[in-house]
N, C-alpha and C. Protein backbone atom coordinates (compact mmCIF):
# COMPACT_ATOMS: atom_id res chain seq x y z
N MET A 1 228.26 83.65 -40.09
CA MET A 1 227.57 84.72 -39.39
C MET A 1 228.56 85.89 -39.20
N ALA A 2 227.92 87.06 -39.39
CA ALA A 2 228.68 88.35 -39.29
C ALA A 2 228.05 89.23 -38.27
N LYS A 3 228.97 89.84 -37.54
CA LYS A 3 228.47 90.87 -36.56
C LYS A 3 228.41 92.18 -37.28
N ILE A 4 227.34 92.79 -37.40
CA ILE A 4 227.14 94.08 -38.04
C ILE A 4 226.55 95.13 -37.19
N THR A 5 227.22 96.31 -37.26
CA THR A 5 226.85 97.46 -36.44
C THR A 5 226.02 98.37 -37.25
N TYR A 6 224.86 98.59 -36.86
CA TYR A 6 223.99 99.48 -37.51
C TYR A 6 223.76 100.66 -36.63
N ILE A 7 224.08 101.87 -37.08
CA ILE A 7 224.03 103.15 -36.37
C ILE A 7 222.87 104.00 -36.89
N GLU A 8 221.99 104.34 -36.00
CA GLU A 8 220.89 105.16 -36.26
C GLU A 8 221.42 106.63 -36.54
N PHE A 9 220.59 107.48 -37.21
CA PHE A 9 221.01 108.80 -37.49
C PHE A 9 221.37 109.53 -36.15
N GLY A 10 220.71 109.28 -35.03
CA GLY A 10 220.90 109.98 -33.77
C GLY A 10 222.12 109.43 -33.07
N GLY A 11 222.73 108.32 -33.56
CA GLY A 11 223.85 107.61 -32.84
C GLY A 11 223.74 106.42 -32.15
N THR A 12 222.39 106.01 -31.95
CA THR A 12 222.23 104.68 -31.28
C THR A 12 222.75 103.56 -32.08
N GLU A 13 223.53 102.71 -31.45
CA GLU A 13 224.09 101.56 -32.21
C GLU A 13 223.29 100.32 -31.84
N HIS A 14 223.17 99.44 -32.83
CA HIS A 14 222.63 98.13 -32.78
C HIS A 14 223.71 97.18 -33.36
N VAL A 15 224.24 96.30 -32.59
CA VAL A 15 225.17 95.31 -33.04
C VAL A 15 224.45 93.95 -33.06
N ILE A 16 224.42 93.47 -34.26
CA ILE A 16 223.50 92.26 -34.51
C ILE A 16 224.35 91.21 -35.29
N ASP A 17 224.18 89.98 -34.88
CA ASP A 17 224.76 88.82 -35.53
C ASP A 17 223.73 88.50 -36.64
N VAL A 18 224.23 88.47 -37.87
CA VAL A 18 223.37 88.32 -39.02
C VAL A 18 223.79 87.02 -39.75
N ALA A 19 222.92 86.11 -39.99
CA ALA A 19 223.26 84.83 -40.62
C ALA A 19 223.86 84.99 -42.05
N ASN A 20 224.78 84.18 -42.46
CA ASN A 20 225.31 84.22 -43.87
C ASN A 20 224.04 83.81 -44.78
N GLY A 21 224.15 84.50 -45.96
CA GLY A 21 222.95 84.26 -46.87
C GLY A 21 221.91 85.30 -46.86
N LEU A 22 221.70 85.92 -45.70
CA LEU A 22 220.77 87.05 -45.62
C LEU A 22 221.47 88.24 -46.14
N THR A 23 220.66 89.31 -46.32
CA THR A 23 221.25 90.59 -46.69
C THR A 23 221.40 91.43 -45.42
N VAL A 24 222.16 92.50 -45.59
CA VAL A 24 222.29 93.47 -44.51
C VAL A 24 220.95 94.08 -44.19
N MET A 25 220.04 94.27 -45.19
CA MET A 25 218.75 94.87 -45.01
C MET A 25 217.91 93.82 -44.18
N GLU A 26 218.00 92.54 -44.53
CA GLU A 26 217.22 91.64 -43.72
C GLU A 26 217.65 91.42 -42.24
N GLY A 27 218.90 91.60 -42.03
CA GLY A 27 219.43 91.60 -40.69
C GLY A 27 218.82 92.69 -39.86
N ALA A 28 218.72 93.92 -40.41
CA ALA A 28 218.13 95.10 -39.80
C ALA A 28 216.61 94.90 -39.61
N ARG A 29 215.85 94.53 -40.71
CA ARG A 29 214.54 94.30 -40.64
C ARG A 29 214.09 93.26 -39.62
N ASP A 30 214.74 92.12 -39.67
CA ASP A 30 214.41 90.97 -38.75
C ASP A 30 214.67 91.35 -37.32
N ASN A 31 215.54 92.21 -37.06
CA ASN A 31 215.87 92.67 -35.70
C ASN A 31 215.27 93.95 -35.25
N GLY A 32 214.34 94.58 -36.04
CA GLY A 32 213.66 95.74 -35.64
C GLY A 32 214.56 97.03 -35.59
N VAL A 33 215.58 97.06 -36.31
CA VAL A 33 216.50 98.22 -36.42
C VAL A 33 215.73 99.41 -37.08
N PRO A 34 215.51 100.50 -36.38
CA PRO A 34 214.80 101.58 -37.01
C PRO A 34 215.71 102.30 -38.02
N GLY A 35 215.09 102.85 -39.07
CA GLY A 35 215.90 103.67 -40.03
C GLY A 35 216.10 102.92 -41.36
N ILE A 36 215.80 101.71 -41.47
CA ILE A 36 215.82 101.05 -42.60
C ILE A 36 214.40 100.43 -42.98
N GLU A 37 213.68 101.07 -43.88
CA GLU A 37 212.33 100.84 -44.08
C GLU A 37 212.14 99.63 -45.09
N ALA A 38 212.92 99.43 -46.02
CA ALA A 38 212.88 98.32 -46.97
C ALA A 38 211.48 98.11 -47.55
N ASP A 39 210.94 99.20 -48.10
CA ASP A 39 209.61 99.13 -48.71
C ASP A 39 209.34 98.18 -49.78
N CYS A 40 210.46 97.93 -50.67
CA CYS A 40 210.26 97.02 -51.73
C CYS A 40 210.68 95.51 -51.27
N GLY A 41 210.99 95.37 -50.10
CA GLY A 41 211.29 93.98 -49.59
C GLY A 41 212.65 93.43 -50.09
N GLY A 42 213.45 94.21 -50.66
CA GLY A 42 214.76 93.73 -51.09
C GLY A 42 214.88 93.45 -52.61
N ALA A 43 213.95 94.06 -53.43
CA ALA A 43 213.99 93.89 -54.83
C ALA A 43 214.85 94.92 -55.55
N CYS A 44 215.52 95.81 -54.86
CA CYS A 44 216.24 96.88 -55.43
C CYS A 44 215.31 97.70 -56.37
N ALA A 45 214.16 98.01 -55.86
CA ALA A 45 213.11 98.80 -56.56
C ALA A 45 212.81 100.08 -55.84
N CYS A 46 213.60 100.44 -54.80
CA CYS A 46 213.41 101.65 -54.10
C CYS A 46 214.75 102.00 -53.43
N SER A 47 214.84 103.04 -52.64
CA SER A 47 216.08 103.40 -51.93
C SER A 47 215.81 103.44 -50.40
N THR A 48 214.86 102.73 -49.92
CA THR A 48 214.54 102.94 -48.52
C THR A 48 215.26 101.99 -47.49
N CYS A 49 216.38 101.41 -48.05
CA CYS A 49 217.33 100.65 -47.13
C CYS A 49 218.72 101.26 -47.29
N HIS A 50 218.74 102.51 -47.76
CA HIS A 50 219.99 103.29 -47.99
C HIS A 50 220.78 103.47 -46.63
N VAL A 51 222.05 103.24 -46.69
CA VAL A 51 222.94 103.53 -45.62
C VAL A 51 224.29 104.13 -46.12
N TYR A 52 225.04 104.68 -45.12
CA TYR A 52 226.34 105.09 -45.46
C TYR A 52 227.33 104.12 -44.85
N VAL A 53 228.20 103.45 -45.66
CA VAL A 53 229.17 102.43 -45.23
C VAL A 53 230.36 103.10 -44.61
N HIS A 54 230.82 102.71 -43.43
CA HIS A 54 231.92 103.29 -42.76
C HIS A 54 233.05 103.25 -43.83
N PRO A 55 233.93 104.33 -43.83
CA PRO A 55 235.04 104.48 -44.82
C PRO A 55 235.92 103.18 -44.85
N ASP A 56 236.17 102.62 -43.67
CA ASP A 56 237.01 101.47 -43.52
C ASP A 56 236.44 100.20 -44.37
N TRP A 57 235.22 100.25 -44.64
CA TRP A 57 234.66 99.08 -45.29
C TRP A 57 234.31 99.30 -46.77
N VAL A 58 234.32 100.48 -47.30
CA VAL A 58 233.99 100.84 -48.59
C VAL A 58 234.71 99.88 -49.64
N ALA A 59 235.98 99.73 -49.63
CA ALA A 59 236.81 98.99 -50.53
C ALA A 59 236.55 97.44 -50.36
N LYS A 60 236.06 97.06 -49.12
CA LYS A 60 235.93 95.59 -48.88
C LYS A 60 234.57 95.01 -49.40
N LEU A 61 233.74 95.85 -49.90
CA LEU A 61 232.47 95.46 -50.45
C LEU A 61 232.43 95.25 -51.94
N PRO A 62 231.54 94.42 -52.51
CA PRO A 62 231.37 94.27 -53.89
C PRO A 62 231.10 95.54 -54.49
N GLU A 63 231.43 95.85 -55.72
CA GLU A 63 231.11 97.06 -56.40
C GLU A 63 229.62 97.21 -56.66
N VAL A 64 229.25 98.50 -56.70
CA VAL A 64 227.90 98.84 -56.89
C VAL A 64 227.45 98.44 -58.35
N ASP A 65 226.41 97.65 -58.52
CA ASP A 65 225.97 97.29 -59.89
C ASP A 65 225.15 98.38 -60.45
N PRO A 66 224.85 98.41 -61.80
CA PRO A 66 224.12 99.53 -62.40
C PRO A 66 222.66 99.68 -61.83
N MET A 67 221.99 98.63 -61.44
CA MET A 67 220.65 98.72 -60.93
C MET A 67 220.67 99.46 -59.53
N GLU A 68 221.60 99.14 -58.74
CA GLU A 68 221.70 99.74 -57.44
C GLU A 68 222.13 101.17 -57.64
N GLU A 69 223.03 101.42 -58.48
CA GLU A 69 223.43 102.86 -58.77
C GLU A 69 222.28 103.66 -59.16
N ASP A 70 221.38 103.08 -60.04
CA ASP A 70 220.19 103.89 -60.47
C ASP A 70 219.28 104.13 -59.25
N MET A 71 219.15 103.31 -58.42
CA MET A 71 218.25 103.40 -57.10
C MET A 71 218.86 104.43 -56.18
N LEU A 72 220.24 104.40 -56.15
CA LEU A 72 220.82 105.33 -55.26
C LEU A 72 220.49 106.89 -55.67
N ASP A 73 220.18 107.06 -56.92
CA ASP A 73 219.89 108.38 -57.35
C ASP A 73 218.71 108.89 -56.64
N PHE A 74 217.82 108.00 -56.08
CA PHE A 74 216.54 108.41 -55.40
C PHE A 74 216.75 108.54 -53.85
N ALA A 75 217.96 108.17 -53.36
CA ALA A 75 218.24 108.02 -51.84
C ALA A 75 218.32 109.47 -51.32
N PHE A 76 218.08 109.65 -50.03
CA PHE A 76 218.24 110.87 -49.37
C PHE A 76 219.69 111.24 -49.12
N GLU A 77 220.16 112.18 -49.69
CA GLU A 77 221.52 112.72 -49.52
C GLU A 77 222.57 111.64 -49.73
N PRO A 78 222.63 111.05 -50.85
CA PRO A 78 223.66 110.06 -51.16
C PRO A 78 225.03 110.66 -51.07
N LYS A 79 225.98 109.81 -50.49
CA LYS A 79 227.40 110.23 -50.49
C LYS A 79 228.20 109.31 -51.43
N PRO A 80 228.72 109.93 -52.47
CA PRO A 80 229.48 109.13 -53.39
C PRO A 80 230.49 108.18 -52.72
N GLY A 81 230.52 107.01 -53.07
CA GLY A 81 231.54 106.04 -52.49
C GLY A 81 231.06 105.34 -51.19
N GLN A 82 230.18 106.00 -50.46
CA GLN A 82 229.81 105.44 -49.16
C GLN A 82 228.34 104.97 -49.13
N SER A 83 227.51 105.50 -50.06
CA SER A 83 226.10 105.11 -50.14
C SER A 83 225.96 103.78 -50.69
N ARG A 84 225.15 102.88 -50.04
CA ARG A 84 224.76 101.58 -50.51
C ARG A 84 223.30 101.24 -50.13
N LEU A 85 222.77 100.34 -50.90
CA LEU A 85 221.55 99.75 -50.49
C LEU A 85 221.73 98.49 -49.76
N THR A 86 221.26 98.37 -48.57
CA THR A 86 221.56 97.20 -47.87
C THR A 86 220.92 95.92 -48.37
N CYS A 87 219.87 96.07 -49.22
CA CYS A 87 219.30 94.85 -49.76
C CYS A 87 220.28 94.17 -50.82
N GLN A 88 221.32 95.00 -51.23
CA GLN A 88 222.25 94.44 -52.20
C GLN A 88 223.51 93.91 -51.62
N LEU A 89 223.57 93.95 -50.32
CA LEU A 89 224.84 93.46 -49.65
C LEU A 89 224.52 92.07 -48.98
N LYS A 90 224.97 90.93 -49.59
CA LYS A 90 224.75 89.74 -49.03
C LYS A 90 225.80 89.36 -47.91
N VAL A 91 225.17 88.81 -46.84
CA VAL A 91 226.13 88.70 -45.70
C VAL A 91 226.94 87.35 -45.82
N THR A 92 228.21 87.55 -45.59
CA THR A 92 229.15 86.32 -45.59
C THR A 92 230.07 86.64 -44.37
N ASP A 93 230.93 85.67 -44.07
CA ASP A 93 231.89 85.81 -42.99
C ASP A 93 232.68 87.09 -43.24
N ASP A 94 233.01 87.38 -44.58
CA ASP A 94 233.80 88.56 -44.93
C ASP A 94 233.29 89.84 -44.38
N LEU A 95 231.90 89.90 -44.06
CA LEU A 95 231.44 91.19 -43.65
C LEU A 95 231.40 91.33 -42.10
N ASP A 96 232.00 90.30 -41.47
CA ASP A 96 232.01 90.48 -39.96
C ASP A 96 232.77 91.70 -39.54
N GLY A 97 232.03 92.61 -38.76
CA GLY A 97 232.53 93.89 -38.32
C GLY A 97 232.07 95.02 -39.08
N LEU A 98 231.28 94.76 -40.12
CA LEU A 98 230.79 95.85 -40.98
C LEU A 98 229.97 96.87 -40.18
N VAL A 99 230.23 98.17 -40.51
CA VAL A 99 229.49 99.27 -39.76
C VAL A 99 228.86 100.11 -40.83
N VAL A 100 227.57 100.25 -40.55
CA VAL A 100 226.79 101.12 -41.47
C VAL A 100 225.99 102.12 -40.72
N GLN A 101 225.73 103.32 -41.26
CA GLN A 101 224.96 104.38 -40.54
C GLN A 101 223.76 104.77 -41.47
N MET A 102 222.67 104.93 -40.81
CA MET A 102 221.50 105.39 -41.52
C MET A 102 221.49 106.86 -41.71
N PRO A 103 220.89 107.32 -42.79
CA PRO A 103 220.87 108.79 -43.09
C PRO A 103 219.68 109.27 -42.21
N GLU A 104 219.54 110.61 -42.24
CA GLU A 104 218.50 111.26 -41.48
C GLU A 104 217.08 110.66 -41.72
N LYS A 105 216.89 110.36 -42.97
CA LYS A 105 215.57 109.79 -43.33
C LYS A 105 215.72 109.01 -44.64
N GLN A 106 214.74 108.20 -44.90
CA GLN A 106 214.80 107.47 -46.31
C GLN A 106 213.82 108.18 -47.06
N ILE A 107 214.32 108.63 -48.28
CA ILE A 107 213.57 109.37 -49.34
C ILE A 107 212.92 110.58 -48.68
């Protein structure tokens, strides 16, 4: 299990314990965190679960694969190096303490 901090655009924080094997997106969706819409349900077919990863965590995450990179082109104001789709981030103990912030809007 990993404790993940989701920060809404306005600054409200949600600290949630997310079970290993779920995605960061599922952790937000299952706990009613606003700002992550997840329209495609985690199929990496949209960019409505886009977040900015805290700079301290960027190098600790798996690299962006080509499919995720393509979908990030459709995200609202992507930040090179920090933008990720939460549906592509599988939760493990290694993500304990992860901090992500939602953009102003999704698409």
